[in-house]
Protein backbone atom coordinates (compact mmCIF):
# COMPACT_ATOMS: atom_id res chain seq x y z
CA MET A 1 -19.47 -71.51 32.40
CA LYS A 2 -20.25 -69.26 29.44
CA TYR A 3 -22.80 -71.69 28.02
CA LYS A 4 -24.37 -72.24 31.43
CA LEU A 5 -25.09 -68.52 31.54
CA MET A 6 -26.53 -68.70 28.05
CA GLY A 7 -28.78 -71.50 29.19
CA VAL A 8 -30.03 -69.40 32.08
CA ALA A 9 -30.87 -66.65 29.62
CA MET A 10 -32.81 -69.00 27.42
CA LEU A 11 -34.76 -70.25 30.41
CA ALA A 12 -35.59 -66.68 31.29
CA VAL A 13 -36.98 -65.95 27.88
CA ALA A 14 -39.00 -69.16 28.11
CA VAL A 15 -41.00 -67.34 30.76
CA LEU A 16 -41.99 -64.94 28.00
CA THR A 17 -42.71 -67.46 25.30
CA ALA A 18 -44.41 -70.09 27.48
CA VAL A 19 -44.61 -72.69 24.71
CA ALA A 20 -42.61 -74.02 21.80
CA ALA A 21 -42.51 -72.09 18.56
CA THR A 22 -44.22 -74.95 16.76
CA ALA A 23 -47.45 -74.15 18.58
CA LEU A 24 -47.60 -70.66 17.09
CA GLU A 25 -50.03 -69.59 14.46
CA PRO A 26 -48.46 -69.57 10.99
CA ALA A 27 -46.39 -66.46 10.25
CA VAL A 28 -48.31 -63.78 8.36
CA GLU A 29 -47.33 -63.52 4.72
CA LYS A 30 -45.75 -60.32 3.44
CA SER A 31 -48.52 -58.23 1.89
CA ALA A 32 -48.26 -56.25 -1.33
CA ARG A 33 -46.64 -52.84 -0.94
CA VAL A 34 -48.75 -49.80 -1.76
CA HIS A 35 -46.79 -46.97 -3.42
CA GLN A 36 -49.00 -43.91 -3.12
CA HIS A 37 -47.61 -42.17 -6.20
CA LEU A 38 -48.54 -45.19 -8.32
CA THR A 39 -52.01 -45.86 -6.92
CA ALA A 40 -53.49 -42.58 -5.67
CA ARG A 41 -55.20 -40.02 -7.85
CA ARG A 42 -53.07 -37.17 -9.14
CA ASP A 43 -53.96 -33.51 -9.26
CA THR A 44 -56.30 -33.03 -12.21
CA GLY A 45 -57.73 -29.71 -11.20
CA CYS A 46 -60.86 -28.86 -9.27
CA GLU A 47 -64.08 -26.94 -9.74
CA CYS A 48 -63.85 -25.21 -6.35
CA ASP A 49 -63.82 -21.41 -6.15
CA GLY A 50 -60.12 -21.27 -5.12
CA THR A 51 -60.76 -19.56 -1.79
CA GLU A 52 -59.25 -22.39 0.25
CA LEU A 53 -56.55 -25.01 -0.02
CA CYS A 54 -57.30 -27.52 -2.78
CA SER A 55 -55.08 -30.59 -2.85
CA HIS A 56 -55.03 -34.06 -4.37
CA LEU A 57 -53.10 -35.15 -1.26
CA PRO A 58 -54.93 -36.06 1.96
CA LEU A 59 -55.23 -33.24 4.48
CA VAL A 60 -54.45 -33.54 8.20
CA ILE A 61 -56.01 -30.74 10.24
CA ILE A 62 -54.93 -30.35 13.87
CA ASP A 63 -56.54 -28.05 16.42
CA THR A 64 -54.72 -27.67 19.76
CA LYS A 65 -57.53 -25.52 21.23
CA GLY A 66 -55.07 -22.76 22.03
CA GLN A 67 -52.56 -24.97 23.82
CA GLU A 68 -48.81 -24.69 23.24
CA ILE A 69 -47.40 -27.80 21.60
CA PRO A 70 -44.91 -29.52 23.94
CA GLY A 71 -41.58 -30.89 22.80
CA GLU A 72 -39.57 -27.78 22.01
CA VAL A 73 -35.91 -27.98 23.03
CA THR A 74 -35.25 -25.75 26.03
CA ASP A 75 -31.77 -26.81 27.07
CA VAL A 76 -28.89 -29.12 26.10
CA MET A 77 -27.38 -30.38 29.32
CA ASP A 78 -24.02 -31.60 28.01
CA SER A 79 -22.14 -32.77 24.93
CA PHE A 80 -23.69 -36.23 25.17
CA SER A 81 -27.10 -35.23 23.79
CA GLN A 82 -28.89 -34.83 27.12
CA VAL A 83 -31.76 -32.57 26.08
CA ILE A 84 -34.65 -31.02 28.01
CA TYR A 85 -37.98 -30.52 26.24
CA THR A 86 -40.96 -28.34 27.07
CA LYS A 87 -43.97 -30.06 28.63
CA ALA A 88 -47.65 -29.32 28.93
CA PRO A 89 -48.87 -27.26 31.93
CA ASP A 90 -49.90 -30.50 33.69
CA GLY A 91 -46.33 -31.80 33.37
CA LEU A 92 -47.14 -34.36 30.68
CA ALA A 93 -45.18 -34.72 27.44
CA THR A 94 -48.34 -34.42 25.31
CA ILE A 95 -51.46 -32.31 24.99
CA ARG A 96 -54.94 -33.52 24.00
CA THR A 97 -55.95 -32.23 20.56
CA GLU A 98 -58.50 -32.75 17.80
CA VAL A 99 -57.33 -34.32 14.54
CA LYS A 100 -59.28 -34.47 11.28
CA VAL A 101 -58.24 -36.33 8.15
CA ILE A 102 -59.81 -35.40 4.82
CA ASP A 103 -59.20 -37.95 2.09
CA ASN A 104 -61.79 -37.90 -0.67
CA PRO A 105 -61.54 -40.93 -2.97
CA ASP A 106 -62.93 -39.22 -6.07
CA GLY A 107 -61.76 -35.62 -5.94
CA ASN A 108 -59.48 -33.04 -4.43
CA ASN A 109 -59.46 -32.29 -0.71
CA HIS A 110 -60.39 -29.00 0.98
CA PRO A 111 -60.32 -28.01 4.67
CA SER A 112 -64.09 -27.47 4.61
CA ASP A 113 -64.82 -30.99 3.32
CA VAL A 114 -66.36 -33.64 5.55
CA PRO A 115 -63.47 -35.60 7.12
CA VAL A 116 -63.22 -39.36 6.83
CA PHE A 117 -62.66 -39.32 10.57
CA THR A 118 -62.24 -36.93 13.47
CA THR A 119 -60.54 -38.08 16.64
CA VAL A 120 -59.10 -36.95 19.92
CA SER A 121 -55.33 -37.39 19.95
CA ASP A 122 -52.38 -36.95 22.25
CA PHE A 123 -49.96 -34.70 20.43
CA ARG A 124 -46.40 -33.42 20.70
CA ILE A 125 -43.29 -32.57 18.71
CA ARG A 126 -41.17 -35.67 18.03
CA GLY A 127 -37.69 -36.54 16.77
CA TYR A 128 -34.23 -35.48 17.86
CA SER A 129 -32.30 -33.23 15.48
CA SER A 130 -35.38 -32.71 13.33
CA ARG A 131 -37.22 -30.91 16.13
CA TYR A 132 -34.70 -28.07 15.91
CA ALA A 133 -36.01 -27.22 12.44
CA ALA A 134 -38.72 -24.62 11.86
CA LYS A 135 -40.99 -27.23 10.29
CA LYS A 136 -41.82 -29.51 13.22
CA PRO A 137 -42.37 -33.26 13.10
CA TYR A 138 -45.21 -34.54 15.28
CA LEU A 139 -46.37 -37.65 17.09
CA LEU A 140 -50.08 -38.53 17.13
CA LYS A 141 -51.69 -40.99 19.56
CA PHE A 142 -55.36 -41.46 18.75
CA MET A 143 -57.81 -41.75 21.66
CA ASP A 144 -61.51 -42.41 22.10
CA GLU A 145 -63.79 -40.23 24.24
CA ASN A 146 -62.76 -42.24 27.31
CA GLY A 147 -59.04 -41.66 26.79
CA GLN A 148 -58.40 -45.22 25.61
CA LYS A 149 -56.20 -46.03 22.62
CA ARG A 150 -58.09 -45.94 19.34
CA ASP A 151 -56.81 -47.81 16.27
CA ILE A 152 -57.78 -46.01 13.05
CA SER A 153 -56.91 -46.79 9.45
CA VAL A 154 -55.30 -43.71 7.91
CA MET A 155 -55.07 -43.05 4.16
CA GLY A 156 -55.50 -46.72 3.36
CA MET A 157 -52.87 -47.95 5.83
CA GLY A 158 -53.56 -50.53 8.53
CA ALA A 159 -55.23 -49.37 11.73
CA HIS A 160 -52.96 -48.00 14.47
CA ASN A 161 -53.36 -45.63 17.37
CA GLU A 162 -49.84 -44.17 17.03
CA TRP A 163 -48.60 -42.27 13.97
CA ALA A 164 -45.62 -40.10 13.09
CA LEU A 165 -45.98 -36.99 10.97
CA HIS A 166 -42.55 -36.66 9.38
CA ALA A 167 -41.68 -33.09 8.37
CA PRO A 168 -39.19 -33.06 5.48
CA LEU A 169 -37.23 -29.83 5.69
CA THR A 170 -33.60 -30.86 6.02
CA ASP A 171 -34.46 -33.15 3.11
CA LYS A 172 -35.42 -30.40 0.72
CA SER A 173 -36.20 -32.98 -1.97
CA LEU A 174 -39.14 -34.23 0.20
CA VAL A 175 -38.75 -37.82 -1.04
CA ARG A 176 -35.95 -39.60 0.85
CA ASN A 177 -38.05 -41.24 3.56
CA TYR A 178 -40.97 -41.93 1.23
CA MET A 179 -38.77 -43.64 -1.32
CA MET A 180 -36.64 -45.65 1.08
CA TYR A 181 -39.52 -46.88 3.28
CA ASN A 182 -41.37 -48.13 0.21
CA ILE A 183 -38.37 -49.69 -1.52
CA SER A 184 -37.25 -51.30 1.74
CA GLY A 185 -40.77 -52.68 2.06
CA GLU A 186 -40.36 -54.41 -1.30
CA ILE A 187 -37.03 -55.93 -0.29
CA MET A 188 -37.55 -56.78 3.39
CA ARG A 189 -40.27 -58.54 5.34
CA TRP A 190 -41.35 -55.30 7.01
CA ALA A 191 -40.88 -51.56 6.59
CA PRO A 192 -43.17 -48.72 7.70
CA ASN A 193 -46.05 -47.80 5.43
CA CYS A 194 -46.30 -44.11 4.59
CA ARG A 195 -48.35 -41.56 2.66
CA PHE A 196 -47.72 -37.99 1.57
CA CYS A 197 -50.21 -35.46 2.97
CA GLU A 198 -50.51 -31.74 3.68
CA VAL A 199 -50.87 -30.48 7.22
CA ILE A 200 -52.70 -27.56 8.81
CA VAL A 201 -52.05 -26.76 12.48
CA ASN A 202 -54.31 -24.22 14.20
CA GLY A 203 -55.31 -22.79 10.85
CA SER A 204 -51.74 -22.41 9.61
CA TYR A 205 -50.68 -24.28 6.48
CA GLU A 206 -47.51 -26.23 7.31
CA GLY A 207 -46.74 -27.87 3.97
CA VAL A 208 -46.05 -31.41 2.76
CA TYR A 209 -45.63 -34.08 5.43
CA LEU A 210 -45.30 -37.85 5.44
CA MET A 211 -47.76 -39.82 7.57
CA VAL A 212 -45.84 -42.89 8.78
CA GLU A 213 -46.94 -45.90 10.79
CA THR A 214 -44.67 -46.21 13.79
CA ILE A 215 -42.84 -49.44 14.55
CA ALA A 216 -45.38 -50.82 16.98
CA LYS A 217 -48.20 -53.31 17.25
CA GLY A 218 -51.55 -52.52 15.71
CA GLU A 219 -54.40 -54.04 13.74
CA ASN A 220 -53.04 -55.32 10.40
CA CYS A 221 -49.54 -54.29 11.42
CA ARG A 222 -47.07 -56.54 9.65
CA LEU A 223 -44.72 -56.47 12.64
CA HIS A 224 -46.42 -59.13 14.73
CA LEU A 225 -45.04 -58.77 18.23
CA GLU A 226 -47.99 -60.42 19.95
CA ARG A 227 -50.08 -63.39 18.85
CA ASN A 228 -53.00 -65.10 20.48
CA MET A 229 -52.67 -68.81 21.10
CA LYS A 230 -54.76 -71.55 22.61
CA ASN A 231 -54.33 -71.48 26.39
CA ALA A 232 -51.13 -69.45 26.21
CA GLY A 233 -49.77 -66.01 25.40
CA VAL A 234 -46.58 -65.49 23.41
CA MET A 235 -44.96 -62.11 23.32
CA GLY A 236 -42.22 -60.73 21.10
CA TYR A 237 -40.37 -57.50 21.71
CA LEU A 238 -38.89 -54.47 19.99
CA LEU A 239 -35.68 -52.71 21.03
CA ARG A 240 -34.41 -49.33 19.95
CA ILE A 241 -30.80 -48.15 19.94
CA ASP A 242 -30.68 -44.40 20.36
CA ARG A 243 -29.63 -41.55 22.59
CA PRO A 244 -30.20 -42.34 26.27
CA ASN A 245 -32.60 -39.44 26.80
CA GLU A 246 -35.13 -40.37 24.12
CA GLU A 247 -38.55 -39.97 25.67
CA GLU A 248 -41.03 -42.74 26.43
CA LEU A 249 -38.49 -45.53 26.13
CA GLU A 250 -38.01 -48.03 28.94
CA SER A 251 -34.28 -48.51 29.58
CA ILE A 252 -32.72 -51.95 29.66
CA ARG A 253 -29.90 -52.39 32.16
CA ASP A 254 -26.36 -52.98 30.90
CA ILE A 255 -27.15 -55.04 27.80
CA TYR A 256 -25.88 -52.36 25.43
CA ALA A 257 -22.26 -52.68 26.57
CA TYR A 258 -21.00 -54.37 23.40
CA ALA A 259 -22.61 -51.95 20.95
CA GLU A 260 -21.56 -48.96 23.04
CA ARG A 261 -17.98 -50.16 23.18
CA ILE A 262 -17.86 -50.66 19.41
CA ASN A 263 -19.44 -47.39 18.35
CA ARG A 264 -17.86 -45.30 21.08
CA LEU A 265 -21.07 -43.33 21.22
CA PHE A 266 -23.21 -42.54 24.21
CA GLN A 267 -26.31 -44.52 23.39
CA ASP A 268 -28.78 -46.79 25.06
CA VAL A 269 -30.76 -49.90 24.20
CA ALA A 270 -34.36 -49.48 25.26
CA ILE A 271 -37.55 -51.53 25.12
CA ARG A 272 -40.02 -49.95 22.71
CA TYR A 273 -42.52 -52.82 22.93
CA PRO A 274 -44.11 -54.11 25.18
CA GLY A 275 -45.16 -50.77 26.58
CA ARG A 276 -45.32 -49.64 30.17
CA GLY A 277 -48.75 -51.12 30.75
CA VAL A 278 -47.49 -54.65 30.04
CA LEU A 279 -43.79 -54.46 30.84
CA THR A 280 -43.42 -56.16 34.21
CA GLU A 281 -40.04 -56.59 35.87
CA GLU A 282 -40.15 -60.28 35.01
CA ILE A 283 -40.71 -59.59 31.31
CA LYS A 284 -38.13 -56.83 31.33
CA ARG A 285 -35.55 -59.10 32.90
CA GLY A 286 -36.33 -61.90 30.43
CA ILE A 287 -35.84 -59.57 27.46
CA GLU A 288 -32.63 -58.26 28.95
CA LEU A 289 -31.18 -61.74 29.39
CA ASP A 290 -32.33 -62.89 25.97
CA TYR A 291 -30.70 -60.00 24.17
CA ALA A 292 -27.57 -60.21 26.32
CA ALA A 293 -27.22 -63.91 25.45
CA PHE A 294 -27.45 -63.08 21.75
CA GLU A 295 -24.73 -60.43 22.00
CA LYS A 296 -22.53 -62.64 24.15
CA SER A 297 -22.77 -65.31 21.46
CA LEU A 298 -22.10 -62.88 18.63
CA TYR A 299 -19.15 -61.11 20.27
CA SER A 300 -17.36 -64.31 21.23
CA TYR A 301 -14.81 -66.63 19.66
CA ASP A 302 -17.67 -69.07 19.04
CA TYR A 303 -19.72 -66.68 16.91
CA ASP A 304 -19.29 -68.86 13.79
CA THR A 305 -19.43 -72.33 15.30
CA GLY A 306 -22.21 -74.91 15.27
CA SER A 307 -24.82 -74.51 17.97
CA TYR A 308 -23.46 -71.15 19.08
CA GLY A 309 -23.19 -69.49 15.66
CA TYR A 310 -24.83 -66.12 15.04
CA TRP A 311 -27.19 -67.72 12.49
CA ASN A 312 -28.99 -69.44 15.37
CA TRP A 313 -30.09 -66.02 16.61
CA ILE A 314 -30.75 -63.86 13.56
CA ASP A 315 -32.54 -63.88 10.21
CA VAL A 316 -29.34 -63.68 8.17
CA ASP A 317 -31.09 -62.55 4.97
CA ASN A 318 -32.73 -59.71 6.89
CA PHE A 319 -29.38 -58.54 8.28
CA VAL A 320 -27.86 -58.76 4.78
CA ASP A 321 -30.64 -56.72 3.16
CA TYR A 322 -30.61 -54.17 5.98
CA TYR A 323 -26.87 -53.62 5.56
CA ILE A 324 -27.07 -53.23 1.77
CA ILE A 325 -29.90 -50.69 2.00
CA GLN A 326 -28.10 -48.66 4.65
CA GLU A 327 -24.64 -48.83 3.04
CA LEU A 328 -25.83 -47.93 -0.44
CA SER A 329 -27.79 -44.96 0.91
CA GLN A 330 -25.03 -44.15 3.45
CA ASN A 331 -27.35 -43.90 6.43
CA PHE A 332 -24.94 -42.56 9.01
CA ASP A 333 -27.38 -43.26 11.88
CA MET A 334 -27.32 -47.03 11.35
CA GLY A 335 -26.31 -48.96 14.45
CA ALA A 336 -26.05 -45.80 16.51
CA PHE A 337 -29.35 -43.90 16.42
CA SER A 338 -32.91 -44.71 15.33
CA THR A 339 -31.96 -48.37 15.03
CA TYR A 340 -34.62 -51.01 15.70
CA ILE A 341 -34.15 -54.73 16.31
CA TYR A 342 -37.15 -56.95 17.00
CA LYS A 343 -38.06 -60.53 17.75
CA GLU A 344 -41.46 -61.92 16.84
CA PRO A 345 -42.67 -64.93 18.84
CA GLY A 346 -40.75 -68.03 17.89
CA GLU A 347 -38.74 -66.08 15.30
CA PRO A 348 -35.10 -64.91 15.06
CA TYR A 349 -33.95 -61.33 15.49
CA ARG A 350 -34.67 -58.98 12.62
CA LEU A 351 -33.85 -55.34 11.92
CA ALA A 352 -36.43 -52.73 10.90
CA VAL A 353 -35.54 -49.66 8.86
CA TRP A 354 -36.34 -46.22 10.22
CA ASP A 355 -35.35 -42.62 9.42
CA PHE A 356 -33.70 -41.94 6.07
CA ASP A 357 -33.52 -38.17 6.56
CA ASN A 358 -29.76 -38.01 6.30
CA VAL A 359 -29.03 -40.51 3.54
CA TRP A 360 -27.17 -39.87 0.30
CA GLY A 361 -25.12 -36.95 1.56
CA ASN A 362 -27.85 -35.32 3.62
CA ALA A 363 -26.16 -35.70 7.04
CA ARG A 364 -26.42 -32.62 9.23
CA THR A 365 -23.28 -32.95 11.32
CA THR A 366 -21.00 -35.17 9.25
CA VAL A 367 -19.60 -34.82 5.75
CA VAL A 368 -20.14 -38.22 4.10
CA PHE A 369 -18.31 -38.72 0.81
CA PRO A 370 -19.78 -41.11 -1.79
CA ASP A 371 -16.57 -43.13 -2.12
CA THR A 372 -16.16 -44.79 1.26
CA PHE A 373 -17.52 -47.60 3.43
CA ILE A 374 -18.96 -46.33 6.69
CA LEU A 375 -21.15 -49.04 8.20
CA ASN A 376 -19.32 -52.37 8.10
CA GLU A 377 -18.03 -51.95 11.66
CA ARG A 378 -21.26 -50.64 13.16
CA ALA A 379 -22.97 -52.63 15.92
CA TRP A 380 -23.48 -56.32 15.01
CA TYR A 381 -21.70 -55.99 11.68
CA LEU A 382 -18.28 -55.73 13.28
CA MET A 383 -18.56 -59.46 13.97
CA LEU A 384 -20.73 -60.51 11.05
CA PHE A 385 -18.17 -59.18 8.57
CA LYS A 386 -15.53 -61.48 10.06
CA ASP A 387 -17.41 -64.42 8.59
CA GLU A 388 -16.64 -65.15 4.93
CA ALA A 389 -20.05 -66.77 4.37
CA PHE A 390 -21.85 -63.62 5.52
CA VAL A 391 -19.67 -61.37 3.36
CA GLN A 392 -20.33 -63.57 0.31
CA ARG A 393 -24.08 -63.30 0.92
CA VAL A 394 -23.75 -59.51 1.00
CA LEU A 395 -21.83 -59.51 -2.30
CA GLU A 396 -24.32 -61.80 -4.04
CA ARG A 397 -27.37 -59.97 -2.73
CA HIS A 398 -25.89 -56.59 -3.65
CA ARG A 399 -25.45 -57.70 -7.26
CA GLU A 400 -29.01 -59.01 -7.28
CA LEU A 401 -30.61 -55.86 -5.85
CA ARG A 402 -28.61 -53.58 -8.14
CA LYS A 403 -30.49 -55.23 -10.99
CA SER A 404 -33.90 -54.57 -9.46
CA TYR A 405 -35.13 -52.33 -6.62
CA LEU A 406 -31.76 -50.69 -5.98
CA SER A 407 -30.68 -50.24 -9.58
CA GLU A 408 -29.75 -46.76 -10.74
CA GLU A 409 -32.59 -46.77 -13.26
CA TYR A 410 -35.20 -47.84 -10.71
CA LEU A 411 -34.13 -45.30 -8.08
CA LEU A 412 -33.94 -42.35 -10.46
CA ASN A 413 -37.26 -43.21 -12.06
CA TYR A 414 -38.82 -43.59 -8.61
CA ILE A 415 -37.75 -40.05 -7.70
CA ASP A 416 -39.07 -38.59 -10.96
CA GLU A 417 -42.45 -40.30 -10.53
CA ALA A 418 -42.77 -39.28 -6.86
CA VAL A 419 -41.88 -35.66 -7.64
CA ASP A 420 -44.35 -35.62 -10.52
CA PHE A 421 -47.02 -37.02 -8.22
CA LEU A 422 -46.44 -34.28 -5.61
CA GLY A 423 -46.94 -31.62 -8.29
CA PRO A 424 -48.55 -28.43 -6.90
CA ALA A 425 -48.22 -29.67 -3.32
CA ALA A 426 -44.43 -29.42 -3.63
CA GLU A 427 -44.83 -25.93 -5.01
CA ARG A 428 -47.00 -24.89 -2.05
CA ASN A 429 -44.46 -26.38 0.33
CA SER A 430 -41.70 -24.38 -1.38
CA VAL A 431 -43.68 -21.17 -0.91
CA ARG A 432 -44.43 -21.94 2.77
CA TRP A 433 -40.79 -22.69 3.60
CA ALA A 434 -39.16 -20.41 1.02
CA ASP A 435 -36.70 -18.78 3.44
CA GLU A 436 -35.57 -22.07 4.96
CA ILE A 437 -35.18 -23.81 1.60
CA ALA A 438 -33.24 -20.91 0.08
CA ASN A 439 -31.14 -19.88 3.08
CA TRP A 440 -30.99 -22.68 5.68
CA ASP A 441 -27.65 -24.44 5.19
CA ALA A 442 -28.22 -27.21 7.69
CA LEU A 443 -25.87 -29.84 6.30
CA GLY A 444 -22.27 -30.52 7.25
CA SER A 445 -20.82 -29.27 3.96
CA ASP A 446 -21.72 -26.22 1.89
CA TYR A 447 -21.38 -28.45 -1.16
CA ASP A 448 -24.31 -30.55 0.04
CA ASN A 449 -26.73 -27.66 0.74
CA PRO A 450 -29.29 -27.13 -2.05
CA HIS A 451 -31.26 -23.88 -2.19
CA SER A 452 -34.42 -24.93 -4.02
CA PHE A 453 -36.65 -27.96 -4.30
CA GLU A 454 -35.51 -28.59 -7.86
CA GLU A 455 -31.83 -28.32 -6.93
CA ALA A 456 -32.37 -30.71 -4.01
CA VAL A 457 -33.92 -33.31 -6.29
CA GLU A 458 -31.04 -33.09 -8.76
CA MET A 459 -28.44 -33.29 -5.99
CA LEU A 460 -30.11 -36.41 -4.61
CA LYS A 461 -30.08 -38.06 -8.03
CA THR A 462 -26.42 -37.14 -8.57
CA ARG A 463 -25.43 -38.66 -5.22
CA ILE A 464 -27.36 -41.86 -5.99
CA ILE A 465 -25.46 -42.20 -9.27
CA GLN A 466 -22.08 -41.48 -7.66
CA ARG A 467 -22.61 -43.77 -4.71
CA GLY A 468 -24.08 -46.66 -6.68
CA ARG A 469 -21.37 -46.69 -9.33
CA TRP A 470 -18.57 -46.48 -6.76
CA LEU A 471 -20.07 -49.29 -4.70
CA ASP A 472 -20.52 -51.46 -7.79
CA GLU A 473 -16.81 -51.13 -8.46
CA GLU A 474 -15.57 -51.43 -4.87
CA ILE A 475 -18.05 -53.66 -3.02
CA HIS A 476 -15.63 -56.59 -3.35
CA ALA A 477 -13.29 -54.73 -0.98
CA ILE A 478 -15.44 -55.80 1.98
CA GLN A 479 -13.76 -59.19 1.65
CA GLN A 480 -10.79 -57.73 3.51
CA TYR A 481 -12.85 -57.76 6.71
CA CYS A 482 -13.25 -61.54 6.63
CA HIS A 483 -9.75 -62.38 5.45
CA PRO A 484 -8.08 -65.07 7.62
CA SER A 485 -5.04 -62.91 8.28
CA ARG A 486 -7.28 -60.34 9.93
CA ASN A 487 -9.35 -62.78 11.98
CA LYS A 488 -7.12 -65.64 13.01
CA LYS A 489 -8.18 -65.49 16.64
CA TYR A 490 -11.89 -65.48 15.77
CA ASN A 491 -12.56 -67.80 12.87
CA HIS A 492 -12.56 -71.60 13.06
């Protein structure tokens, strides 16, 4: 009976795919990663008169035309993260603003310079815990004069209509997300592109931000969720695991039961792509059944057997790399919040990294010590770690990555180079947010709260050393999770 239900699910998703995977266009090759601090011009001074901001970083200038920016927290309904946000006077979650980006290729940038583009944009505060901070993160949705989505290339990144302006404040080092997005992009098939910039909102300098491409479809986006085919359309999808009240996410019914039961957290699995304009009930139901069939296979006694094994559903190397990145950096959100799983047409499930604000001891509500495993029983990994073959792949890949992109030398050097690249921009940010940097103890332990940019950088480097060396010595201990004595009823 179980496999009959699985067959029904596969038929349902066939409604989405329409044709065999062999008819698809060839998968797009992974493009070279651009690391801004290695390729962009550094601050070499400027001949301006010094009467306005002068930066080697791109400038993002936002004018709300006197409107209040929606998205402030007004009420927390209960202990399960049910939050109410402010809205625009018309009841919408966004306001319509003007956005300018100044990014001169041959010299420093000034607010009075001619922008590389000016656009109308929907605009609001974004994020969950980060929106409580004084330095607000923002969501931008570019529009044309007719209110239609407008894809624009920003700071050399592929064209999109939707962008996130990440506001590093809890991360007083400024570099966690920048570093981990770029390094993950070297290791994995896809990770968000990003660029440092400085932001001005309604004439007020707001400091150093990170412009990040959101995990969505767009021109030149390496996450190909939709492809054109001869005489047929094939659609992939993107799911997000997060708090049930996260805005603009279409809920999926009941398919999150397994993950919720494992994590014991009040979370939801929601469709992030396709969006509302495309997401019919038929498509929604097909996605629901497809994902449910995957989880039923994974969380069953047949999870490691032949035709029903988990490897028939997922890109195993992707899941291995994702785990290593998250465990080494101790990303406490993994599998619970800000967690994305996607399926390109004709492809297996893959995971996409997102949100490294709280890594390496930077968690706001939880004290995370460097000498412990925290993620091996999160979400899908509860079952994956029961399989000896999967555990061995983790061990081998960990040793490999610790000699390259995740080595102590590479990570520490990456931080030094990124900090050097920021230069006077980091200093301006420290002046703008001096009180918060010196006095805002936002983290779960007083030990983890730095009180200057320089101290934050050194604390991050110290935690990387501590965590990496402990994991190098103890990573073999994950073999206990696949030991036969622990998994007799599961393994064949």
